[in-house]
Amino acid sequence: MKTIPASTLEQAMHYNEYRQLIEELRADGETTGSNHSEAMLNYTDLNRTRMNRLDKTTRLTPETLEALEQLETPMTMLVLTEAWCGDAAQVIPVLNKIAETTPNLSLRLILRDEYPDIMDAFLTNGGRSIPKIIFLKGANRTVTGSWGPRPAAVQQIVMDYKTKLKTLDDEAAKKALQQTTMTDTQKWYARDKTKSIQSEVIQALFHHQEALAQ
């Protein structure tokens, strides 16, 4: 996919609109997507707490701020997400802080399940993993690259989990492994304090921009 339709960006949400949508859905006992099970609602509530915390505590590193000062070309980060996704809750508030820092960078959000064609153009190892950032350059919405769904260290935790899962037959053991993995990833995010997200997103932003210019 070389460009994103203008209609998609017109329909895409600003960060505050995304947060408001989640609050309105939860007030009606729902979340984004079609699965409104108790588990998905609980995940959404955990993510509301995480995003609230990150909105208050995220501080951009000096390296991030210095890099953003050098961004001269208008860029958009279009993000595929869902309210129940734990990685999205960790990543998107950081993206919002990054986008707020410079007029040359904007953040827009769309729901994965409402845009399957776009999601399927940016799969991760064949899967519809989110969040997925699509970097767009200029008014013509040229796709320069993508990043996601999570920092490299967390991705390794998830890949190790999938490898171990294949060795298990017992459902209780699978459930325990899943819970342990989810706990490990959230602990990692807490220890890292958004530094890896910032570093990897900035690196991807400038790498893809430079590659397109060559």
N, C-alpha and C. Protein backbone atom coordinates (compact mmCIF):
# COMPACT_ATOMS: atom_id res chain seq x y z
N MET A 1 0.85 -1.19 0.00
CA MET A 1 0.00 0.00 0.00
C MET A 1 0.89 1.25 0.00
N LYS A 2 0.82 2.03 -1.08
CA LYS A 2 1.71 3.17 -1.24
C LYS A 2 1.12 4.47 -0.66
N THR A 3 -0.20 4.57 -0.64
CA THR A 3 -0.86 5.74 -0.05
C THR A 3 -2.07 5.28 0.75
N ILE A 4 -2.54 6.16 1.61
CA ILE A 4 -3.74 5.92 2.39
C ILE A 4 -4.85 6.82 1.84
N PRO A 5 -6.05 6.29 1.62
CA PRO A 5 -7.13 7.12 1.08
C PRO A 5 -7.39 8.36 1.93
N ALA A 6 -7.68 9.47 1.27
CA ALA A 6 -7.97 10.71 1.99
C ALA A 6 -9.16 10.53 2.92
N SER A 7 -10.14 9.71 2.51
CA SER A 7 -11.33 9.49 3.33
C SER A 7 -10.99 8.83 4.65
N THR A 8 -9.96 8.00 4.65
CA THR A 8 -9.54 7.33 5.89
C THR A 8 -9.02 8.34 6.89
N LEU A 9 -8.19 9.25 6.43
CA LEU A 9 -7.66 10.28 7.34
C LEU A 9 -8.75 11.23 7.81
N GLU A 10 -9.72 11.48 6.95
CA GLU A 10 -10.84 12.34 7.35
C GLU A 10 -11.66 11.70 8.46
N GLN A 11 -11.77 10.38 8.42
CA GLN A 11 -12.55 9.65 9.42
C GLN A 11 -11.73 9.30 10.66
N ALA A 12 -10.41 9.37 10.55
CA ALA A 12 -9.53 8.99 11.66
C ALA A 12 -9.71 9.92 12.84
N MET A 13 -9.47 9.38 14.04
CA MET A 13 -9.69 10.12 15.27
C MET A 13 -8.43 10.80 15.77
N HIS A 14 -8.61 11.96 16.39
CA HIS A 14 -7.56 12.55 17.21
C HIS A 14 -7.51 11.75 18.52
N TYR A 15 -6.43 11.93 19.27
CA TYR A 15 -6.26 11.17 20.51
C TYR A 15 -7.41 11.41 21.49
N ASN A 16 -7.81 12.67 21.67
CA ASN A 16 -8.89 12.95 22.62
C ASN A 16 -10.21 12.35 22.16
N GLU A 17 -10.42 12.26 20.85
CA GLU A 17 -11.64 11.64 20.34
C GLU A 17 -11.62 10.13 20.59
N TYR A 18 -10.47 9.54 20.45
CA TYR A 18 -10.31 8.10 20.72
C TYR A 18 -10.60 7.80 22.18
N ARG A 19 -10.04 8.62 23.06
CA ARG A 19 -10.28 8.42 24.50
C ARG A 19 -11.75 8.62 24.84
N GLN A 20 -12.38 9.60 24.22
CA GLN A 20 -13.79 9.86 24.48
C GLN A 20 -14.67 8.72 23.98
N LEU A 21 -14.32 8.17 22.83
CA LEU A 21 -15.07 7.02 22.30
C LEU A 21 -15.04 5.86 23.27
N ILE A 22 -13.86 5.58 23.83
CA ILE A 22 -13.74 4.47 24.77
C ILE A 22 -14.62 4.71 26.00
N GLU A 23 -14.61 5.93 26.50
CA GLU A 23 -15.42 6.24 27.68
C GLU A 23 -16.91 6.08 27.38
N GLU A 24 -17.33 6.51 26.20
CA GLU A 24 -18.74 6.40 25.84
C GLU A 24 -19.16 4.94 25.67
N LEU A 25 -18.30 4.15 25.06
CA LEU A 25 -18.61 2.73 24.90
C LEU A 25 -18.69 2.02 26.24
N ARG A 26 -17.75 2.32 27.15
CA ARG A 26 -17.77 1.67 28.45
C ARG A 26 -19.00 2.07 29.26
N ALA A 27 -19.48 3.30 29.08
CA ALA A 27 -20.70 3.74 29.76
C ALA A 27 -21.91 2.93 29.30
N ASP A 28 -21.81 2.39 28.08
CA ASP A 28 -22.88 1.55 27.55
C ASP A 28 -22.59 0.06 27.73
N GLY A 29 -21.53 -0.27 28.50
CA GLY A 29 -21.18 -1.66 28.74
C GLY A 29 -20.51 -2.33 27.57
N GLU A 30 -19.82 -1.55 26.72
CA GLU A 30 -19.19 -2.10 25.53
C GLU A 30 -17.73 -1.65 25.43
N THR A 31 -17.05 -2.20 24.44
CA THR A 31 -15.71 -1.75 24.08
C THR A 31 -15.66 -1.66 22.56
N THR A 32 -14.51 -1.35 21.98
CA THR A 32 -14.42 -1.32 20.53
C THR A 32 -14.44 -2.75 19.98
N GLY A 33 -14.79 -2.88 18.72
CA GLY A 33 -14.87 -4.20 18.11
C GLY A 33 -16.20 -4.86 18.40
N SER A 34 -16.30 -6.13 18.06
CA SER A 34 -17.57 -6.86 18.20
C SER A 34 -17.62 -7.76 19.43
N ASN A 35 -16.48 -7.96 20.09
CA ASN A 35 -16.43 -8.83 21.26
C ASN A 35 -16.56 -8.00 22.53
N HIS A 36 -17.70 -8.10 23.19
CA HIS A 36 -17.94 -7.33 24.40
C HIS A 36 -18.01 -8.25 25.63
N SER A 37 -17.19 -9.29 25.61
CA SER A 37 -17.16 -10.24 26.73
C SER A 37 -16.60 -9.57 27.98
N GLU A 38 -16.80 -10.22 29.11
CA GLU A 38 -16.29 -9.68 30.37
C GLU A 38 -14.77 -9.51 30.32
N ALA A 39 -14.09 -10.47 29.70
CA ALA A 39 -12.63 -10.38 29.61
C ALA A 39 -12.21 -9.15 28.82
N MET A 40 -12.86 -8.89 27.68
CA MET A 40 -12.49 -7.74 26.85
C MET A 40 -12.83 -6.43 27.55
N LEU A 41 -13.91 -6.41 28.28
CA LEU A 41 -14.26 -5.21 29.03
C LEU A 41 -13.24 -4.96 30.15
N ASN A 42 -12.81 -6.03 30.80
CA ASN A 42 -11.80 -5.88 31.86
C ASN A 42 -10.47 -5.38 31.28
N TYR A 43 -10.08 -5.91 30.13
CA TYR A 43 -8.86 -5.43 29.48
C TYR A 43 -8.99 -3.94 29.16
N THR A 44 -10.15 -3.54 28.67
CA THR A 44 -10.37 -2.14 28.32
C THR A 44 -10.26 -1.25 29.55
N ASP A 45 -10.81 -1.71 30.67
CA ASP A 45 -10.74 -0.91 31.90
C ASP A 45 -9.30 -0.78 32.40
N LEU A 46 -8.54 -1.86 32.31
CA LEU A 46 -7.12 -1.79 32.67
C LEU A 46 -6.40 -0.78 31.78
N ASN A 47 -6.75 -0.79 30.51
CA ASN A 47 -6.09 0.11 29.57
C ASN A 47 -6.47 1.57 29.80
N ARG A 48 -7.68 1.82 30.24
CA ARG A 48 -8.08 3.19 30.58
C ARG A 48 -7.19 3.71 31.71
N THR A 49 -6.95 2.86 32.69
CA THR A 49 -6.09 3.25 33.81
C THR A 49 -4.66 3.48 33.34
N ARG A 50 -4.16 2.59 32.48
CA ARG A 50 -2.80 2.74 31.97
C ARG A 50 -2.64 4.03 31.18
N MET A 51 -3.61 4.32 30.31
CA MET A 51 -3.50 5.53 29.50
C MET A 51 -3.59 6.79 30.36
N ASN A 52 -4.45 6.75 31.36
CA ASN A 52 -4.53 7.90 32.28
C ASN A 52 -3.20 8.14 32.97
N ARG A 53 -2.56 7.05 33.40
CA ARG A 53 -1.28 7.18 34.08
C ARG A 53 -0.20 7.70 33.14
N LEU A 54 -0.15 7.15 31.93
CA LEU A 54 0.87 7.57 30.98
C LEU A 54 0.67 9.00 30.50
N ASP A 55 -0.57 9.43 30.41
CA ASP A 55 -0.84 10.82 30.06
C ASP A 55 -0.19 11.77 31.07
N LYS A 56 -0.17 11.35 32.32
CA LYS A 56 0.36 12.20 33.38
C LYS A 56 1.87 12.05 33.57
N THR A 57 2.40 10.86 33.32
CA THR A 57 3.79 10.58 33.71
C THR A 57 4.79 10.56 32.57
N THR A 58 4.35 10.44 31.32
CA THR A 58 5.30 10.32 30.21
C THR A 58 6.11 11.59 30.03
N ARG A 59 7.42 11.42 30.02
CA ARG A 59 8.33 12.53 29.77
C ARG A 59 9.22 12.14 28.59
N LEU A 60 9.28 13.00 27.59
CA LEU A 60 10.11 12.70 26.43
C LEU A 60 11.58 12.89 26.78
N THR A 61 12.42 12.00 26.27
CA THR A 61 13.84 12.07 26.56
C THR A 61 14.48 13.22 25.79
N PRO A 62 15.65 13.69 26.23
CA PRO A 62 16.36 14.73 25.49
C PRO A 62 16.64 14.31 24.05
N GLU A 63 16.93 13.03 23.84
CA GLU A 63 17.21 12.53 22.50
C GLU A 63 15.98 12.64 21.60
N THR A 64 14.82 12.32 22.18
CA THR A 64 13.57 12.43 21.41
C THR A 64 13.28 13.87 21.04
N LEU A 65 13.43 14.76 22.00
CA LEU A 65 13.16 16.18 21.76
C LEU A 65 14.11 16.76 20.72
N GLU A 66 15.37 16.36 20.80
CA GLU A 66 16.36 16.85 19.84
C GLU A 66 16.03 16.36 18.42
N ALA A 67 15.64 15.12 18.31
CA ALA A 67 15.30 14.56 17.00
C ALA A 67 14.09 15.26 16.40
N LEU A 68 13.09 15.52 17.22
CA LEU A 68 11.87 16.15 16.72
C LEU A 68 12.12 17.57 16.23
N GLU A 69 13.11 18.23 16.80
CA GLU A 69 13.46 19.57 16.33
C GLU A 69 13.99 19.54 14.90
N GLN A 70 14.48 18.39 14.47
CA GLN A 70 15.05 18.26 13.13
C GLN A 70 14.03 17.80 12.10
N LEU A 71 12.80 17.56 12.55
CA LEU A 71 11.77 17.09 11.62
C LEU A 71 11.23 18.28 10.83
N GLU A 72 11.54 18.33 9.55
CA GLU A 72 11.16 19.46 8.71
C GLU A 72 10.00 19.16 7.78
N THR A 73 9.81 17.88 7.46
CA THR A 73 8.75 17.48 6.55
C THR A 73 7.49 17.10 7.34
N PRO A 74 6.33 17.64 7.00
CA PRO A 74 5.10 17.24 7.69
C PRO A 74 4.85 15.74 7.56
N MET A 75 4.61 15.09 8.69
CA MET A 75 4.38 13.65 8.73
C MET A 75 3.14 13.35 9.57
N THR A 76 2.50 12.23 9.26
CA THR A 76 1.37 11.75 10.05
C THR A 76 1.65 10.34 10.52
N MET A 77 1.34 10.07 11.78
CA MET A 77 1.37 8.70 12.30
C MET A 77 -0.08 8.21 12.35
N LEU A 78 -0.44 7.34 11.42
CA LEU A 78 -1.77 6.75 11.41
C LEU A 78 -1.68 5.41 12.13
N VAL A 79 -2.46 5.23 13.18
CA VAL A 79 -2.30 4.07 14.05
C VAL A 79 -3.56 3.20 14.04
N LEU A 80 -3.36 1.92 13.76
CA LEU A 80 -4.42 0.92 13.90
C LEU A 80 -4.43 0.45 15.34
N THR A 81 -5.60 0.46 15.97
CA THR A 81 -5.67 0.15 17.40
C THR A 81 -7.03 -0.42 17.76
N GLU A 82 -7.17 -0.86 19.01
CA GLU A 82 -8.46 -1.23 19.62
C GLU A 82 -8.34 -0.95 21.11
N ALA A 83 -9.44 -0.65 21.74
CA ALA A 83 -9.43 -0.24 23.15
C ALA A 83 -8.97 -1.35 24.09
N TRP A 84 -9.17 -2.61 23.71
CA TRP A 84 -8.85 -3.73 24.59
C TRP A 84 -7.39 -4.18 24.49
N CYS A 85 -6.62 -3.58 23.59
CA CYS A 85 -5.24 -4.01 23.34
C CYS A 85 -4.28 -3.42 24.37
N GLY A 86 -3.61 -4.27 25.13
CA GLY A 86 -2.70 -3.81 26.18
C GLY A 86 -1.49 -3.08 25.64
N ASP A 87 -0.93 -3.54 24.52
CA ASP A 87 0.22 -2.85 23.93
C ASP A 87 -0.18 -1.47 23.41
N ALA A 88 -1.36 -1.36 22.84
CA ALA A 88 -1.83 -0.06 22.35
C ALA A 88 -1.93 0.94 23.48
N ALA A 89 -2.41 0.49 24.63
CA ALA A 89 -2.54 1.39 25.78
C ALA A 89 -1.19 1.89 26.27
N GLN A 90 -0.16 1.09 26.08
CA GLN A 90 1.19 1.50 26.49
C GLN A 90 1.84 2.42 25.45
N VAL A 91 1.52 2.24 24.21
CA VAL A 91 2.20 2.95 23.13
C VAL A 91 1.53 4.27 22.75
N ILE A 92 0.21 4.27 22.62
CA ILE A 92 -0.48 5.43 22.04
C ILE A 92 -0.34 6.71 22.86
N PRO A 93 -0.42 6.68 24.19
CA PRO A 93 -0.19 7.92 24.93
C PRO A 93 1.20 8.51 24.69
N VAL A 94 2.19 7.66 24.46
CA VAL A 94 3.54 8.14 24.16
C VAL A 94 3.56 8.79 22.79
N LEU A 95 2.89 8.19 21.82
CA LEU A 95 2.79 8.79 20.49
C LEU A 95 2.13 10.16 20.56
N ASN A 96 1.12 10.27 21.40
CA ASN A 96 0.44 11.56 21.55
C ASN A 96 1.40 12.62 22.09
N LYS A 97 2.21 12.26 23.07
CA LYS A 97 3.20 13.20 23.61
C LYS A 97 4.20 13.62 22.54
N ILE A 98 4.62 12.65 21.74
CA ILE A 98 5.57 12.94 20.66
C ILE A 98 4.94 13.90 19.65
N ALA A 99 3.71 13.62 19.24
CA ALA A 99 3.05 14.44 18.23
C ALA A 99 2.77 15.85 18.72
N GLU A 100 2.52 15.99 20.02
CA GLU A 100 2.23 17.31 20.58
C GLU A 100 3.44 18.23 20.57
N THR A 101 4.62 17.66 20.41
CA THR A 101 5.86 18.41 20.57
C THR A 101 6.22 19.24 19.34
N THR A 102 5.74 18.80 18.16
CA THR A 102 6.12 19.50 16.93
C THR A 102 4.93 19.66 16.00
N PRO A 103 4.81 20.82 15.33
CA PRO A 103 3.70 21.02 14.39
C PRO A 103 3.85 20.20 13.12
N ASN A 104 5.03 19.61 12.91
CA ASN A 104 5.26 18.82 11.70
C ASN A 104 4.88 17.35 11.85
N LEU A 105 4.30 16.99 12.98
CA LEU A 105 3.91 15.59 13.19
C LEU A 105 2.52 15.54 13.79
N SER A 106 1.65 14.74 13.19
CA SER A 106 0.29 14.59 13.70
C SER A 106 -0.01 13.12 13.96
N LEU A 107 -0.94 12.88 14.86
CA LEU A 107 -1.35 11.53 15.24
C LEU A 107 -2.83 11.34 14.91
N ARG A 108 -3.12 10.25 14.20
CA ARG A 108 -4.51 9.90 13.89
C ARG A 108 -4.69 8.41 14.17
N LEU A 109 -5.90 8.05 14.62
CA LEU A 109 -6.17 6.69 15.05
C LEU A 109 -7.39 6.11 14.34
N ILE A 110 -7.28 4.85 13.93
CA ILE A 110 -8.41 4.13 13.35
C ILE A 110 -8.51 2.77 14.03
N LEU A 111 -9.71 2.22 14.05
CA LEU A 111 -9.92 0.92 14.69
C LEU A 111 -9.60 -0.21 13.71
N ARG A 112 -8.82 -1.14 14.16
CA ARG A 112 -8.36 -2.24 13.32
C ARG A 112 -9.50 -2.95 12.60
N ASP A 113 -10.54 -3.30 13.34
CA ASP A 113 -11.59 -4.14 12.78
C ASP A 113 -12.50 -3.39 11.81
N GLU A 114 -12.37 -2.07 11.77
CA GLU A 114 -13.16 -1.28 10.83
C GLU A 114 -12.40 -1.02 9.52
N TYR A 115 -11.10 -1.35 9.51
CA TYR A 115 -10.28 -1.11 8.33
C TYR A 115 -9.44 -2.35 8.00
N PRO A 116 -10.10 -3.46 7.67
CA PRO A 116 -9.35 -4.71 7.43
C PRO A 116 -8.40 -4.63 6.25
N ASP A 117 -8.75 -3.86 5.22
CA ASP A 117 -7.86 -3.76 4.05
C ASP A 117 -6.54 -3.09 4.42
N ILE A 118 -6.62 -2.05 5.22
CA ILE A 118 -5.39 -1.38 5.64
C ILE A 118 -4.61 -2.28 6.60
N MET A 119 -5.31 -2.91 7.54
CA MET A 119 -4.63 -3.79 8.48
C MET A 119 -3.90 -4.91 7.74
N ASP A 120 -4.55 -5.49 6.75
CA ASP A 120 -3.96 -6.63 6.05
C ASP A 120 -2.77 -6.24 5.17
N ALA A 121 -2.60 -4.95 4.96
CA ALA A 121 -1.43 -4.48 4.21
C ALA A 121 -0.22 -4.27 5.12
N PHE A 122 -0.46 -4.37 6.44
CA PHE A 122 0.62 -4.13 7.40
C PHE A 122 0.62 -5.20 8.49
N LEU A 123 0.63 -6.44 8.07
CA LEU A 123 0.62 -7.56 9.01
C LEU A 123 1.99 -7.73 9.67
N THR A 124 1.98 -8.38 10.83
CA THR A 124 3.22 -8.73 11.53
C THR A 124 3.31 -10.25 11.60
N ASN A 125 4.26 -10.81 10.89
CA ASN A 125 4.40 -12.28 10.83
C ASN A 125 3.08 -12.95 10.45
N GLY A 126 2.36 -12.29 9.55
CA GLY A 126 1.11 -12.85 9.06
C GLY A 126 -0.09 -12.57 9.93
N GLY A 127 0.08 -11.86 11.06
CA GLY A 127 -1.01 -11.62 11.98
C GLY A 127 -1.42 -10.15 12.04
N ARG A 128 -2.66 -9.92 12.47
CA ARG A 128 -3.20 -8.56 12.58
C ARG A 128 -2.84 -7.94 13.93
N SER A 129 -1.56 -7.87 14.21
CA SER A 129 -1.09 -7.37 15.50
C SER A 129 -1.17 -5.84 15.56
N ILE A 130 -1.61 -5.36 16.71
CA ILE A 130 -1.73 -3.91 16.93
C ILE A 130 -1.10 -3.56 18.28
N PRO A 131 -0.73 -2.28 18.44
CA PRO A 131 -0.91 -1.17 17.51
C PRO A 131 0.08 -1.24 16.36
N LYS A 132 -0.32 -0.72 15.23
CA LYS A 132 0.56 -0.62 14.08
C LYS A 132 0.56 0.83 13.61
N ILE A 133 1.74 1.45 13.61
CA ILE A 133 1.88 2.82 13.14
C ILE A 133 2.24 2.80 11.66
N ILE A 134 1.50 3.55 10.87
CA ILE A 134 1.83 3.75 9.46
C ILE A 134 2.29 5.20 9.31
N PHE A 135 3.52 5.37 8.85
CA PHE A 135 4.07 6.72 8.69
C PHE A 135 3.69 7.26 7.31
N LEU A 136 3.09 8.45 7.30
CA LEU A 136 2.64 9.08 6.06
C LEU A 136 3.35 10.41 5.88
N LYS A 137 3.79 10.67 4.66
CA LYS A 137 4.53 11.88 4.37
C LYS A 137 3.70 12.84 3.53
N GLY A 138 3.60 14.10 4.00
CA GLY A 138 3.02 15.17 3.21
C GLY A 138 1.54 15.04 2.93
N ALA A 139 1.05 15.98 2.13
CA ALA A 139 -0.38 16.04 1.82
C ALA A 139 -0.83 14.90 0.92
N ASN A 140 0.11 14.27 0.20
CA ASN A 140 -0.27 13.17 -0.68
C ASN A 140 -0.34 11.83 0.05
N ARG A 141 -0.08 11.84 1.34
CA ARG A 141 -0.28 10.67 2.21
C ARG A 141 0.56 9.47 1.76
N THR A 142 1.78 9.74 1.31
CA THR A 142 2.67 8.67 0.87
C THR A 142 3.13 7.84 2.07
N VAL A 143 2.96 6.52 1.97
CA VAL A 143 3.40 5.62 3.04
C VAL A 143 4.91 5.48 2.97
N THR A 144 5.59 5.85 4.05
CA THR A 144 7.04 5.73 4.09
C THR A 144 7.51 4.52 4.89
N GLY A 145 6.61 3.90 5.65
CA GLY A 145 7.00 2.74 6.44
C GLY A 145 6.03 2.52 7.59
N SER A 146 6.38 1.60 8.47
CA SER A 146 5.50 1.29 9.61
C SER A 146 6.33 0.84 10.80
N TRP A 147 5.69 0.83 11.95
CA TRP A 147 6.32 0.32 13.18
C TRP A 147 5.24 -0.33 14.02
N GLY A 148 5.65 -1.34 14.76
CA GLY A 148 4.73 -1.98 15.68
C GLY A 148 4.75 -3.49 15.49
N PRO A 149 4.04 -4.17 16.37
CA PRO A 149 3.07 -3.65 17.32
C PRO A 149 3.62 -3.27 18.69
N ARG A 150 4.92 -3.54 18.92
CA ARG A 150 5.46 -3.32 20.26
C ARG A 150 6.98 -3.20 20.17
N PRO A 151 7.64 -2.68 21.22
CA PRO A 151 9.11 -2.61 21.21
C PRO A 151 9.74 -3.99 21.02
N ALA A 152 10.95 -4.00 20.50
CA ALA A 152 11.61 -5.26 20.15
C ALA A 152 11.71 -6.22 21.34
N ALA A 153 12.01 -5.68 22.52
CA ALA A 153 12.16 -6.55 23.69
C ALA A 153 10.84 -7.21 24.07
N VAL A 154 9.75 -6.49 23.96
CA VAL A 154 8.44 -7.06 24.27
C VAL A 154 8.03 -8.04 23.18
N GLN A 155 8.36 -7.72 21.94
CA GLN A 155 8.06 -8.65 20.85
C GLN A 155 8.75 -9.99 21.08
N GLN A 156 9.96 -9.96 21.62
CA GLN A 156 10.67 -11.21 21.89
C GLN A 156 9.97 -12.01 22.97
N ILE A 157 9.46 -11.32 24.00
CA ILE A 157 8.69 -12.01 25.05
C ILE A 157 7.49 -12.71 24.44
N VAL A 158 6.80 -12.03 23.54
CA VAL A 158 5.61 -12.60 22.90
C VAL A 158 5.98 -13.78 22.00
N MET A 159 7.07 -13.65 21.26
CA MET A 159 7.49 -14.74 20.39
C MET A 159 7.90 -15.96 21.19
N ASP A 160 8.57 -15.74 22.32
CA ASP A 160 8.95 -16.86 23.19
C ASP A 160 7.69 -17.54 23.74
N TYR A 161 6.69 -16.74 24.07
CA TYR A 161 5.42 -17.28 24.56
C TYR A 161 4.78 -18.19 23.51
N LYS A 162 4.76 -17.74 22.28
CA LYS A 162 4.13 -18.53 21.21
C LYS A 162 4.87 -19.84 20.98
N THR A 163 6.21 -19.78 21.12
CA THR A 163 7.00 -21.00 20.96
C THR A 163 6.70 -22.01 22.07
N LYS A 164 6.64 -21.52 23.31
CA LYS A 164 6.34 -22.40 24.44
C LYS A 164 4.92 -22.94 24.37
N LEU A 165 4.00 -22.11 23.87
CA LEU A 165 2.59 -22.51 23.81
C LEU A 165 2.40 -23.76 22.95
N LYS A 166 3.20 -23.87 21.90
CA LYS A 166 3.08 -25.02 21.00
C LYS A 166 3.46 -26.33 21.68
N THR A 167 4.20 -26.25 22.78
CA THR A 167 4.65 -27.47 23.47
C THR A 167 3.65 -27.94 24.51
N LEU A 168 2.59 -27.17 24.76
CA LEU A 168 1.64 -27.47 25.83
C LEU A 168 0.34 -28.04 25.27
N ASP A 169 -0.18 -29.04 25.96
CA ASP A 169 -1.48 -29.62 25.60
C ASP A 169 -2.54 -29.30 26.65
N ASP A 170 -2.10 -29.09 27.87
CA ASP A 170 -3.03 -28.85 28.98
C ASP A 170 -3.56 -27.41 28.93
N GLU A 171 -4.88 -27.24 28.96
CA GLU A 171 -5.48 -25.91 28.86
C GLU A 171 -5.15 -25.04 30.06
N ALA A 172 -5.07 -25.64 31.22
CA ALA A 172 -4.73 -24.87 32.42
C ALA A 172 -3.31 -24.32 32.33
N ALA A 173 -2.41 -25.14 31.79
CA ALA A 173 -1.02 -24.71 31.63
C ALA A 173 -0.92 -23.60 30.59
N LYS A 174 -1.71 -23.70 29.54
CA LYS A 174 -1.72 -22.65 28.51
C LYS A 174 -2.23 -21.33 29.10
N LYS A 175 -3.28 -21.42 29.90
CA LYS A 175 -3.83 -20.21 30.51
C LYS A 175 -2.84 -19.58 31.47
N ALA A 176 -2.15 -20.42 32.24
CA ALA A 176 -1.15 -19.91 33.19
C ALA A 176 0.01 -19.25 32.45
N LEU A 177 0.43 -19.86 31.34
CA LEU A 177 1.52 -19.29 30.55
C LEU A 177 1.10 -17.95 29.96
N GLN A 178 -0.12 -17.87 29.48
CA GLN A 178 -0.63 -16.61 28.93
C GLN A 178 -0.63 -15.51 29.99
N GLN A 179 -1.10 -15.84 31.19
CA GLN A 179 -1.16 -14.85 32.25
C GLN A 179 0.23 -14.40 32.66
N THR A 180 1.16 -15.34 32.74
CA THR A 180 2.54 -15.00 33.09
C THR A 180 3.15 -14.07 32.04
N THR A 181 2.89 -14.38 30.78
CA THR A 181 3.43 -13.57 29.69
C THR A 181 2.86 -12.15 29.74
N MET A 182 1.56 -12.02 29.96
CA MET A 182 0.94 -10.71 30.05
C MET A 182 1.53 -9.91 31.22
N THR A 183 1.75 -10.57 32.33
CA THR A 183 2.34 -9.91 33.50
C THR A 183 3.77 -9.47 33.19
N ASP A 184 4.53 -10.34 32.54
CA ASP A 184 5.92 -10.01 32.21
C ASP A 184 6.01 -8.81 31.28
N THR A 185 5.11 -8.74 30.29
CA THR A 185 5.16 -7.61 29.36
C THR A 185 4.82 -6.30 30.06
N GLN A 186 3.83 -6.32 30.94
CA GLN A 186 3.45 -5.09 31.63
C GLN A 186 4.55 -4.65 32.60
N LYS A 187 5.22 -5.61 33.24
CA LYS A 187 6.35 -5.26 34.11
C LYS A 187 7.48 -4.64 33.29
N TRP A 188 7.70 -5.17 32.09
CA TRP A 188 8.74 -4.62 31.23
C TRP A 188 8.43 -3.17 30.88
N TYR A 189 7.21 -2.91 30.50
CA TYR A 189 6.82 -1.54 30.16
C TYR A 189 7.05 -0.61 31.35
N ALA A 190 6.71 -1.07 32.54
CA ALA A 190 6.87 -0.23 33.74
C ALA A 190 8.33 0.09 34.00
N ARG A 191 9.21 -0.90 33.82
CA ARG A 191 10.64 -0.68 34.05
C ARG A 191 11.25 0.23 32.99
N ASP A 192 10.78 0.10 31.77
CA ASP A 192 11.39 0.84 30.65
C ASP A 192 10.99 2.32 30.64
N LYS A 193 9.84 2.64 31.23
CA LYS A 193 9.38 4.05 31.34
C LYS A 193 9.30 4.74 29.98
N THR A 194 8.84 4.04 28.97
CA THR A 194 8.56 4.52 27.60
C THR A 194 9.81 4.83 26.78
N LYS A 195 11.00 4.61 27.32
CA LYS A 195 12.22 4.99 26.61
C LYS A 195 12.37 4.23 25.28
N SER A 196 12.10 2.93 25.31
CA SER A 196 12.25 2.14 24.08
C SER A 196 11.22 2.51 23.04
N ILE A 197 10.00 2.77 23.48
CA ILE A 197 8.97 3.21 22.53
C ILE A 197 9.42 4.48 21.83
N GLN A 198 9.87 5.45 22.62
CA GLN A 198 10.33 6.71 22.04
C GLN A 198 11.47 6.48 21.05
N SER A 199 12.47 5.74 21.48
CA SER A 199 13.65 5.52 20.65
C SER A 199 13.32 4.81 19.35
N GLU A 200 12.53 3.75 19.43
CA GLU A 200 12.24 2.96 18.24
C GLU A 200 11.32 3.70 17.28
N VAL A 201 10.34 4.43 17.82
CA VAL A 201 9.43 5.18 16.96
C VAL A 201 10.18 6.31 16.24
N ILE A 202 11.01 7.03 16.97
CA ILE A 202 11.79 8.10 16.35
C ILE A 202 12.73 7.54 15.29
N GLN A 203 13.38 6.44 15.60
CA GLN A 203 14.28 5.82 14.63
C GLN A 203 13.52 5.41 13.38
N ALA A 204 12.36 4.81 13.55
CA ALA A 204 11.56 4.39 12.40
C ALA A 204 11.06 5.59 11.61
N LEU A 205 10.64 6.63 12.29
CA LEU A 205 10.15 7.84 11.63
C LEU A 205 11.20 8.41 10.69
N PHE A 206 12.43 8.58 11.19
CA PHE A 206 13.48 9.19 10.38
C PHE A 206 14.08 8.22 9.38
N HIS A 207 14.16 6.94 9.74
CA HIS A 207 14.71 5.96 8.81
C HIS A 207 13.86 5.85 7.57
N HIS A 208 12.54 5.75 7.75
CA HIS A 208 11.65 5.60 6.61
C HIS A 208 11.60 6.87 5.77
N GLN A 209 11.69 8.01 6.43
CA GLN A 209 11.67 9.27 5.71
C GLN A 209 12.92 9.41 4.84
N GLU A 210 14.08 9.04 5.41
CA GLU A 210 15.34 9.14 4.68
C GLU A 210 15.38 8.12 3.53
N ALA A 211 14.84 6.92 3.78
CA ALA A 211 14.85 5.89 2.75
C ALA A 211 14.03 6.32 1.54
N LEU A 212 12.92 7.00 1.81
CA LEU A 212 12.06 7.44 0.71
C LEU A 212 12.74 8.51 -0.11
N ALA A 213 13.58 9.33 0.53
CA ALA A 213 14.23 10.43 -0.16
C ALA A 213 15.36 9.96 -1.08
N GLN A 214 15.86 8.75 -0.83
CA GLN A 214 16.99 8.25 -1.61
C GLN A 214 16.58 7.77 -2.99
